[in-house]
Amino acid sequence: MAGRLGILIASVAAAGLVAVEPITAHHSAAAAYDETKKVEAQGKVTRVMVKNPHSWVFLEGTDEKGEKVEWQIEMGGVTSMAWTKEALPVGAAVKAVGHPSRAPGSHGMTAAVFSKADGTPIGPRGGRGETPPR
């Protein structure tokens, strides 16, 4: 009888472990980006990655010294954003304004507002910007 009770308890415990949903860690954008500042980048879209947990837009532009750099713009994940890859086609000339990366010497931003070269807003939020990743 004690053996059966032990098997029953072990079975219930194993079933409980299987039923537990995976826990995913998440971080605040404030750790990687300075939400008290803004940075601007202009350039051509070279790549768009729409995926989870974060999507990315890459621009070939210049830095404050006029040297060629790749801007890396972090956006929300697929489920939290209304963007599609077609909204920012490769080769499109755009301006992005967002919160700069805290990493010294990097060319990254988040919560970007995109516009065309002529200032026309781009994006599903009418130029109001992407919600910062959390």
N, C-alpha and C. Protein backbone atom coordinates (compact mmCIF):
# COMPACT_ATOMS: atom_id res chain seq x y z
N MET A 1 0.82 -1.19 0.00
CA MET A 1 0.00 0.00 0.00
C MET A 1 0.87 1.26 0.00
N ALA A 2 1.93 1.28 0.80
CA ALA A 2 2.81 2.43 0.87
C ALA A 2 3.48 2.66 -0.47
N GLY A 3 3.80 1.56 -1.21
CA GLY A 3 4.42 1.69 -2.53
C GLY A 3 3.50 2.36 -3.52
N ARG A 4 2.22 1.99 -3.48
CA ARG A 4 1.24 2.60 -4.37
C ARG A 4 1.05 4.08 -4.06
N LEU A 5 1.04 4.43 -2.77
CA LEU A 5 0.89 5.81 -2.35
C LEU A 5 2.08 6.63 -2.86
N GLY A 6 3.26 6.08 -2.76
CA GLY A 6 4.47 6.76 -3.25
C GLY A 6 4.41 7.00 -4.75
N ILE A 7 3.93 6.00 -5.50
CA ILE A 7 3.80 6.13 -6.96
C ILE A 7 2.76 7.19 -7.29
N LEU A 8 1.65 7.19 -6.55
CA LEU A 8 0.59 8.17 -6.78
C LEU A 8 1.11 9.59 -6.52
N ILE A 9 1.81 9.77 -5.42
CA ILE A 9 2.35 11.09 -5.08
C ILE A 9 3.35 11.55 -6.15
N ALA A 10 4.22 10.65 -6.58
CA ALA A 10 5.21 10.98 -7.61
C ALA A 10 4.53 11.32 -8.94
N SER A 11 3.47 10.59 -9.27
CA SER A 11 2.74 10.85 -10.51
C SER A 11 2.06 12.21 -10.49
N VAL A 12 1.43 12.54 -9.37
CA VAL A 12 0.76 13.83 -9.23
C VAL A 12 1.79 14.96 -9.30
N ALA A 13 2.93 14.78 -8.65
CA ALA A 13 3.98 15.80 -8.68
C ALA A 13 4.52 15.99 -10.09
N ALA A 14 4.75 14.91 -10.81
CA ALA A 14 5.24 15.00 -12.19
C ALA A 14 4.22 15.68 -13.09
N ALA A 15 2.95 15.34 -12.91
CA ALA A 15 1.90 15.98 -13.71
C ALA A 15 1.84 17.47 -13.43
N GLY A 16 2.04 17.85 -12.19
CA GLY A 16 2.05 19.26 -11.83
C GLY A 16 3.19 20.01 -12.48
N LEU A 17 4.34 19.38 -12.57
CA LEU A 17 5.48 20.02 -13.22
C LEU A 17 5.25 20.19 -14.72
N VAL A 18 4.64 19.22 -15.34
CA VAL A 18 4.36 19.30 -16.77
C VAL A 18 3.34 20.39 -17.06
N ALA A 19 2.39 20.58 -16.16
CA ALA A 19 1.32 21.55 -16.37
C ALA A 19 1.77 22.98 -16.17
N VAL A 20 2.91 23.20 -15.52
CA VAL A 20 3.39 24.55 -15.26
C VAL A 20 3.83 25.19 -16.58
N GLU A 21 3.36 26.40 -16.84
CA GLU A 21 3.76 27.10 -18.04
C GLU A 21 5.18 27.62 -17.87
N PRO A 22 5.93 27.71 -18.98
CA PRO A 22 7.28 28.25 -18.87
C PRO A 22 7.24 29.73 -18.47
N ILE A 23 8.18 30.12 -17.68
CA ILE A 23 8.28 31.49 -17.23
C ILE A 23 9.36 32.16 -18.07
N THR A 24 9.04 33.31 -18.65
CA THR A 24 10.02 34.02 -19.46
C THR A 24 10.41 35.30 -18.74
N ALA A 25 11.69 35.54 -18.65
CA ALA A 25 12.19 36.75 -18.02
C ALA A 25 12.06 37.90 -19.00
N HIS A 26 11.84 39.09 -18.49
CA HIS A 26 11.79 40.25 -19.36
C HIS A 26 12.47 41.40 -18.66
N HIS A 27 12.88 42.37 -19.41
CA HIS A 27 13.65 43.47 -18.86
C HIS A 27 13.02 44.80 -19.26
N SER A 28 13.41 45.82 -18.55
CA SER A 28 12.93 47.16 -18.86
C SER A 28 13.85 47.79 -19.88
N ALA A 29 13.29 48.60 -20.77
CA ALA A 29 14.10 49.32 -21.76
C ALA A 29 15.02 50.33 -21.07
N ALA A 30 14.65 50.78 -19.89
CA ALA A 30 15.44 51.79 -19.18
C ALA A 30 16.84 51.31 -18.85
N ALA A 31 17.04 50.01 -18.74
CA ALA A 31 18.37 49.50 -18.44
C ALA A 31 19.32 49.69 -19.62
N ALA A 32 18.81 49.61 -20.84
CA ALA A 32 19.65 49.70 -22.03
C ALA A 32 19.57 51.05 -22.74
N TYR A 33 18.49 51.79 -22.50
CA TYR A 33 18.27 53.05 -23.21
C TYR A 33 17.97 54.17 -22.23
N ASP A 34 18.40 55.39 -22.59
CA ASP A 34 18.17 56.55 -21.74
C ASP A 34 16.86 57.21 -22.16
N GLU A 35 15.81 56.94 -21.42
CA GLU A 35 14.48 57.44 -21.76
C GLU A 35 14.30 58.92 -21.45
N THR A 36 15.34 59.58 -20.92
CA THR A 36 15.27 61.02 -20.67
C THR A 36 15.86 61.82 -21.82
N LYS A 37 16.44 61.14 -22.82
CA LYS A 37 17.09 61.81 -23.95
C LYS A 37 16.50 61.34 -25.27
N LYS A 38 16.76 62.11 -26.33
CA LYS A 38 16.36 61.75 -27.69
C LYS A 38 17.60 61.79 -28.59
N VAL A 39 17.60 60.93 -29.59
CA VAL A 39 18.64 60.92 -30.60
C VAL A 39 17.97 60.79 -31.95
N GLU A 40 18.59 61.35 -32.98
CA GLU A 40 18.03 61.31 -34.33
C GLU A 40 19.00 60.61 -35.27
N ALA A 41 18.45 59.80 -36.15
CA ALA A 41 19.25 59.13 -37.17
C ALA A 41 18.54 59.28 -38.51
N GLN A 42 19.32 59.51 -39.55
CA GLN A 42 18.78 59.55 -40.90
C GLN A 42 19.58 58.60 -41.75
N GLY A 43 18.90 57.90 -42.63
CA GLY A 43 19.61 56.97 -43.50
C GLY A 43 18.67 56.09 -44.27
N LYS A 44 19.25 55.07 -44.88
CA LYS A 44 18.46 54.12 -45.67
C LYS A 44 18.28 52.84 -44.88
N VAL A 45 17.08 52.29 -44.95
CA VAL A 45 16.77 51.03 -44.29
C VAL A 45 17.57 49.94 -45.00
N THR A 46 18.36 49.17 -44.21
CA THR A 46 19.14 48.07 -44.79
C THR A 46 18.57 46.71 -44.44
N ARG A 47 17.82 46.65 -43.33
CA ARG A 47 17.28 45.35 -42.89
C ARG A 47 16.17 45.60 -41.88
N VAL A 48 15.14 44.75 -41.92
CA VAL A 48 14.06 44.79 -40.94
C VAL A 48 13.84 43.37 -40.46
N MET A 49 13.86 43.19 -39.15
CA MET A 49 13.62 41.88 -38.54
C MET A 49 12.39 41.99 -37.65
N VAL A 50 11.27 41.45 -38.10
CA VAL A 50 10.03 41.46 -37.32
C VAL A 50 9.93 40.10 -36.64
N LYS A 51 10.17 40.08 -35.32
CA LYS A 51 10.20 38.83 -34.58
C LYS A 51 9.96 39.10 -33.10
N ASN A 52 9.88 38.04 -32.32
CA ASN A 52 9.76 38.14 -30.87
C ASN A 52 11.08 37.73 -30.24
N PRO A 53 11.48 38.28 -29.12
CA PRO A 53 10.70 39.18 -28.29
C PRO A 53 10.82 40.65 -28.74
N HIS A 54 11.77 40.98 -29.61
CA HIS A 54 11.90 42.36 -30.09
C HIS A 54 12.18 42.36 -31.58
N SER A 55 11.62 43.33 -32.27
CA SER A 55 11.88 43.52 -33.68
C SER A 55 12.95 44.59 -33.83
N TRP A 56 13.60 44.61 -34.99
CA TRP A 56 14.71 45.53 -35.22
C TRP A 56 14.62 46.15 -36.60
N VAL A 57 15.03 47.41 -36.69
CA VAL A 57 15.20 48.10 -37.97
C VAL A 57 16.64 48.59 -37.99
N PHE A 58 17.32 48.35 -39.10
CA PHE A 58 18.72 48.77 -39.25
C PHE A 58 18.80 49.83 -40.33
N LEU A 59 19.47 50.93 -40.01
CA LEU A 59 19.66 52.03 -40.96
C LEU A 59 21.13 52.23 -41.23
N GLU A 60 21.46 52.50 -42.48
CA GLU A 60 22.81 52.94 -42.81
C GLU A 60 22.77 54.45 -42.84
N GLY A 61 23.47 55.06 -41.92
CA GLY A 61 23.46 56.51 -41.81
C GLY A 61 24.83 57.02 -41.43
N THR A 62 24.85 58.17 -40.81
CA THR A 62 26.11 58.75 -40.36
C THR A 62 26.00 59.12 -38.89
N ASP A 63 27.17 59.25 -38.27
CA ASP A 63 27.20 59.70 -36.88
C ASP A 63 27.42 61.21 -36.85
N GLU A 64 27.62 61.74 -35.64
CA GLU A 64 27.80 63.18 -35.49
C GLU A 64 29.06 63.71 -36.16
N LYS A 65 30.01 62.82 -36.50
CA LYS A 65 31.23 63.20 -37.20
C LYS A 65 31.11 63.05 -38.71
N GLY A 66 29.94 62.57 -39.16
CA GLY A 66 29.73 62.37 -40.59
C GLY A 66 30.25 61.04 -41.11
N GLU A 67 30.67 60.16 -40.21
CA GLU A 67 31.17 58.85 -40.62
C GLU A 67 30.03 57.85 -40.74
N LYS A 68 30.16 56.92 -41.71
CA LYS A 68 29.12 55.92 -41.95
C LYS A 68 29.00 54.98 -40.75
N VAL A 69 27.75 54.78 -40.30
CA VAL A 69 27.46 53.88 -39.18
C VAL A 69 26.18 53.11 -39.47
N GLU A 70 26.00 52.02 -38.75
CA GLU A 70 24.75 51.28 -38.80
C GLU A 70 23.98 51.58 -37.53
N TRP A 71 22.79 52.16 -37.69
CA TRP A 71 21.91 52.41 -36.57
C TRP A 71 21.06 51.17 -36.33
N GLN A 72 20.96 50.77 -35.07
CA GLN A 72 20.16 49.60 -34.68
C GLN A 72 19.00 50.09 -33.83
N ILE A 73 17.79 49.93 -34.37
CA ILE A 73 16.61 50.46 -33.70
C ILE A 73 15.77 49.31 -33.17
N GLU A 74 15.71 49.21 -31.86
CA GLU A 74 14.94 48.13 -31.21
C GLU A 74 13.49 48.56 -31.07
N MET A 75 12.62 47.64 -31.44
CA MET A 75 11.18 47.90 -31.38
C MET A 75 10.51 46.80 -30.58
N GLY A 76 9.20 46.89 -30.44
CA GLY A 76 8.46 45.86 -29.72
C GLY A 76 8.43 44.56 -30.49
N GLY A 77 7.94 43.53 -29.84
CA GLY A 77 7.81 42.23 -30.49
C GLY A 77 6.60 42.19 -31.41
N VAL A 78 6.48 41.12 -32.14
CA VAL A 78 5.41 40.97 -33.12
C VAL A 78 4.04 41.18 -32.50
N THR A 79 3.83 40.62 -31.32
CA THR A 79 2.49 40.69 -30.71
C THR A 79 2.15 42.07 -30.18
N SER A 80 3.15 42.92 -29.91
CA SER A 80 2.87 44.23 -29.32
C SER A 80 2.97 45.38 -30.31
N MET A 81 3.35 45.08 -31.54
CA MET A 81 3.50 46.17 -32.50
C MET A 81 2.61 45.95 -33.71
N ALA A 82 2.28 47.01 -34.36
CA ALA A 82 1.41 46.91 -35.53
C ALA A 82 2.20 47.02 -36.83
N TRP A 83 3.52 47.03 -36.74
CA TRP A 83 4.39 47.15 -37.91
C TRP A 83 4.42 45.86 -38.72
N THR A 84 4.73 46.03 -39.99
CA THR A 84 5.06 44.90 -40.85
C THR A 84 6.35 45.25 -41.56
N LYS A 85 7.01 44.25 -42.13
CA LYS A 85 8.25 44.51 -42.86
C LYS A 85 8.02 45.46 -44.04
N GLU A 86 6.83 45.43 -44.61
CA GLU A 86 6.53 46.25 -45.77
C GLU A 86 6.42 47.74 -45.43
N ALA A 87 6.19 48.07 -44.17
CA ALA A 87 6.05 49.47 -43.77
C ALA A 87 7.35 50.25 -43.92
N LEU A 88 8.47 49.57 -43.76
CA LEU A 88 9.79 50.19 -43.92
C LEU A 88 10.60 49.36 -44.91
N PRO A 89 10.38 49.53 -46.20
CA PRO A 89 11.07 48.69 -47.18
C PRO A 89 12.58 48.97 -47.21
N VAL A 90 13.35 47.94 -47.47
CA VAL A 90 14.79 48.09 -47.62
C VAL A 90 15.05 49.12 -48.72
N GLY A 91 15.95 50.03 -48.43
CA GLY A 91 16.30 51.08 -49.38
C GLY A 91 15.57 52.39 -49.14
N ALA A 92 14.51 52.37 -48.32
CA ALA A 92 13.75 53.59 -48.05
C ALA A 92 14.60 54.57 -47.24
N ALA A 93 14.57 55.85 -47.61
CA ALA A 93 15.26 56.89 -46.86
C ALA A 93 14.33 57.36 -45.75
N VAL A 94 14.78 57.26 -44.51
CA VAL A 94 13.93 57.62 -43.37
C VAL A 94 14.72 58.40 -42.32
N LYS A 95 13.95 59.02 -41.45
CA LYS A 95 14.50 59.66 -40.25
C LYS A 95 13.85 58.95 -39.07
N ALA A 96 14.64 58.65 -38.05
CA ALA A 96 14.13 58.02 -36.83
C ALA A 96 14.59 58.85 -35.64
N VAL A 97 13.66 59.09 -34.72
CA VAL A 97 13.97 59.80 -33.48
C VAL A 97 13.50 58.92 -32.34
N GLY A 98 14.40 58.64 -31.39
CA GLY A 98 14.04 57.79 -30.27
C GLY A 98 14.99 57.95 -29.10
N HIS A 99 14.86 57.07 -28.13
CA HIS A 99 15.71 57.10 -26.93
C HIS A 99 17.03 56.40 -27.24
N PRO A 100 18.18 57.06 -26.96
CA PRO A 100 19.48 56.49 -27.31
C PRO A 100 19.92 55.35 -26.39
N SER A 101 20.75 54.50 -26.95
CA SER A 101 21.37 53.42 -26.19
C SER A 101 22.27 54.02 -25.12
N ARG A 102 22.37 53.35 -23.99
CA ARG A 102 23.27 53.79 -22.92
C ARG A 102 24.70 53.31 -23.16
N ALA A 103 24.90 52.36 -24.08
CA ALA A 103 26.23 51.81 -24.34
C ALA A 103 27.10 52.86 -25.03
N PRO A 104 28.22 53.23 -24.43
CA PRO A 104 29.09 54.24 -25.02
C PRO A 104 29.56 53.82 -26.42
N GLY A 105 29.50 54.77 -27.35
CA GLY A 105 29.98 54.52 -28.70
C GLY A 105 29.04 53.73 -29.58
N SER A 106 27.86 53.35 -29.06
CA SER A 106 26.92 52.56 -29.86
C SER A 106 26.00 53.48 -30.65
N HIS A 107 25.31 52.91 -31.61
CA HIS A 107 24.37 53.66 -32.43
C HIS A 107 23.02 52.94 -32.40
N GLY A 108 22.43 52.93 -31.23
CA GLY A 108 21.16 52.25 -31.05
C GLY A 108 20.14 53.18 -30.44
N MET A 109 18.87 52.80 -30.64
CA MET A 109 17.78 53.56 -30.02
C MET A 109 16.56 52.66 -29.90
N THR A 110 15.60 53.14 -29.13
CA THR A 110 14.32 52.46 -28.99
C THR A 110 13.21 53.49 -28.98
N ALA A 111 11.97 53.03 -29.05
CA ALA A 111 10.79 53.89 -29.04
C ALA A 111 10.85 54.93 -30.15
N ALA A 112 11.27 54.51 -31.33
CA ALA A 112 11.51 55.43 -32.43
C ALA A 112 10.21 55.91 -33.09
N VAL A 113 10.26 57.15 -33.53
CA VAL A 113 9.26 57.74 -34.39
C VAL A 113 9.92 57.83 -35.76
N PHE A 114 9.26 57.25 -36.78
CA PHE A 114 9.82 57.24 -38.13
C PHE A 114 9.09 58.23 -39.02
N SER A 115 9.85 58.85 -39.93
CA SER A 115 9.24 59.70 -40.95
C SER A 115 10.04 59.56 -42.24
N LYS A 116 9.39 59.94 -43.34
CA LYS A 116 10.07 59.96 -44.63
C LYS A 116 11.00 61.16 -44.66
N ALA A 117 11.84 61.22 -45.68
CA ALA A 117 12.79 62.33 -45.81
C ALA A 117 12.08 63.68 -45.85
N ASP A 118 10.84 63.73 -46.39
CA ASP A 118 10.08 64.99 -46.47
C ASP A 118 9.32 65.31 -45.18
N GLY A 119 9.46 64.46 -44.15
CA GLY A 119 8.80 64.69 -42.87
C GLY A 119 7.48 63.98 -42.69
N THR A 120 6.96 63.32 -43.73
CA THR A 120 5.70 62.59 -43.62
C THR A 120 5.85 61.43 -42.64
N PRO A 121 4.99 61.35 -41.62
CA PRO A 121 5.10 60.26 -40.63
C PRO A 121 4.93 58.88 -41.29
N ILE A 122 5.66 57.91 -40.76
CA ILE A 122 5.57 56.52 -41.20
C ILE A 122 5.17 55.69 -40.00
N GLY A 123 4.26 54.77 -40.21
CA GLY A 123 3.96 53.83 -39.14
C GLY A 123 2.50 53.77 -38.78
N PRO A 124 2.14 52.71 -38.09
CA PRO A 124 0.75 52.47 -37.73
C PRO A 124 0.22 53.43 -36.68
N ARG A 125 1.09 54.10 -35.97
CA ARG A 125 0.63 55.04 -34.94
C ARG A 125 0.68 56.48 -35.43
N GLY A 126 0.74 56.66 -36.75
CA GLY A 126 0.70 58.01 -37.32
C GLY A 126 1.85 58.88 -36.88
N GLY A 127 3.04 58.29 -36.72
CA GLY A 127 4.20 59.07 -36.34
C GLY A 127 4.32 59.33 -34.86
N ARG A 128 3.49 58.67 -34.04
CA ARG A 128 3.55 58.87 -32.59
C ARG A 128 4.61 58.00 -31.95
N GLY A 129 5.22 57.11 -32.70
CA GLY A 129 6.31 56.32 -32.16
C GLY A 129 5.94 54.94 -31.71
N GLU A 130 6.93 54.12 -31.61
CA GLU A 130 6.79 52.74 -31.16
C GLU A 130 6.82 52.72 -29.65
N THR A 131 6.02 51.90 -29.04
CA THR A 131 6.04 51.73 -27.59
C THR A 131 7.37 51.12 -27.19
N PRO A 132 8.06 51.68 -26.19
CA PRO A 132 9.34 51.10 -25.80
C PRO A 132 9.19 49.65 -25.36
N PRO A 133 10.16 48.79 -25.74
CA PRO A 133 10.12 47.41 -25.26
C PRO A 133 10.20 47.38 -23.74
N ARG A 134 9.52 46.46 -23.13
CA ARG A 134 9.57 46.32 -21.65
C ARG A 134 10.20 44.99 -21.30
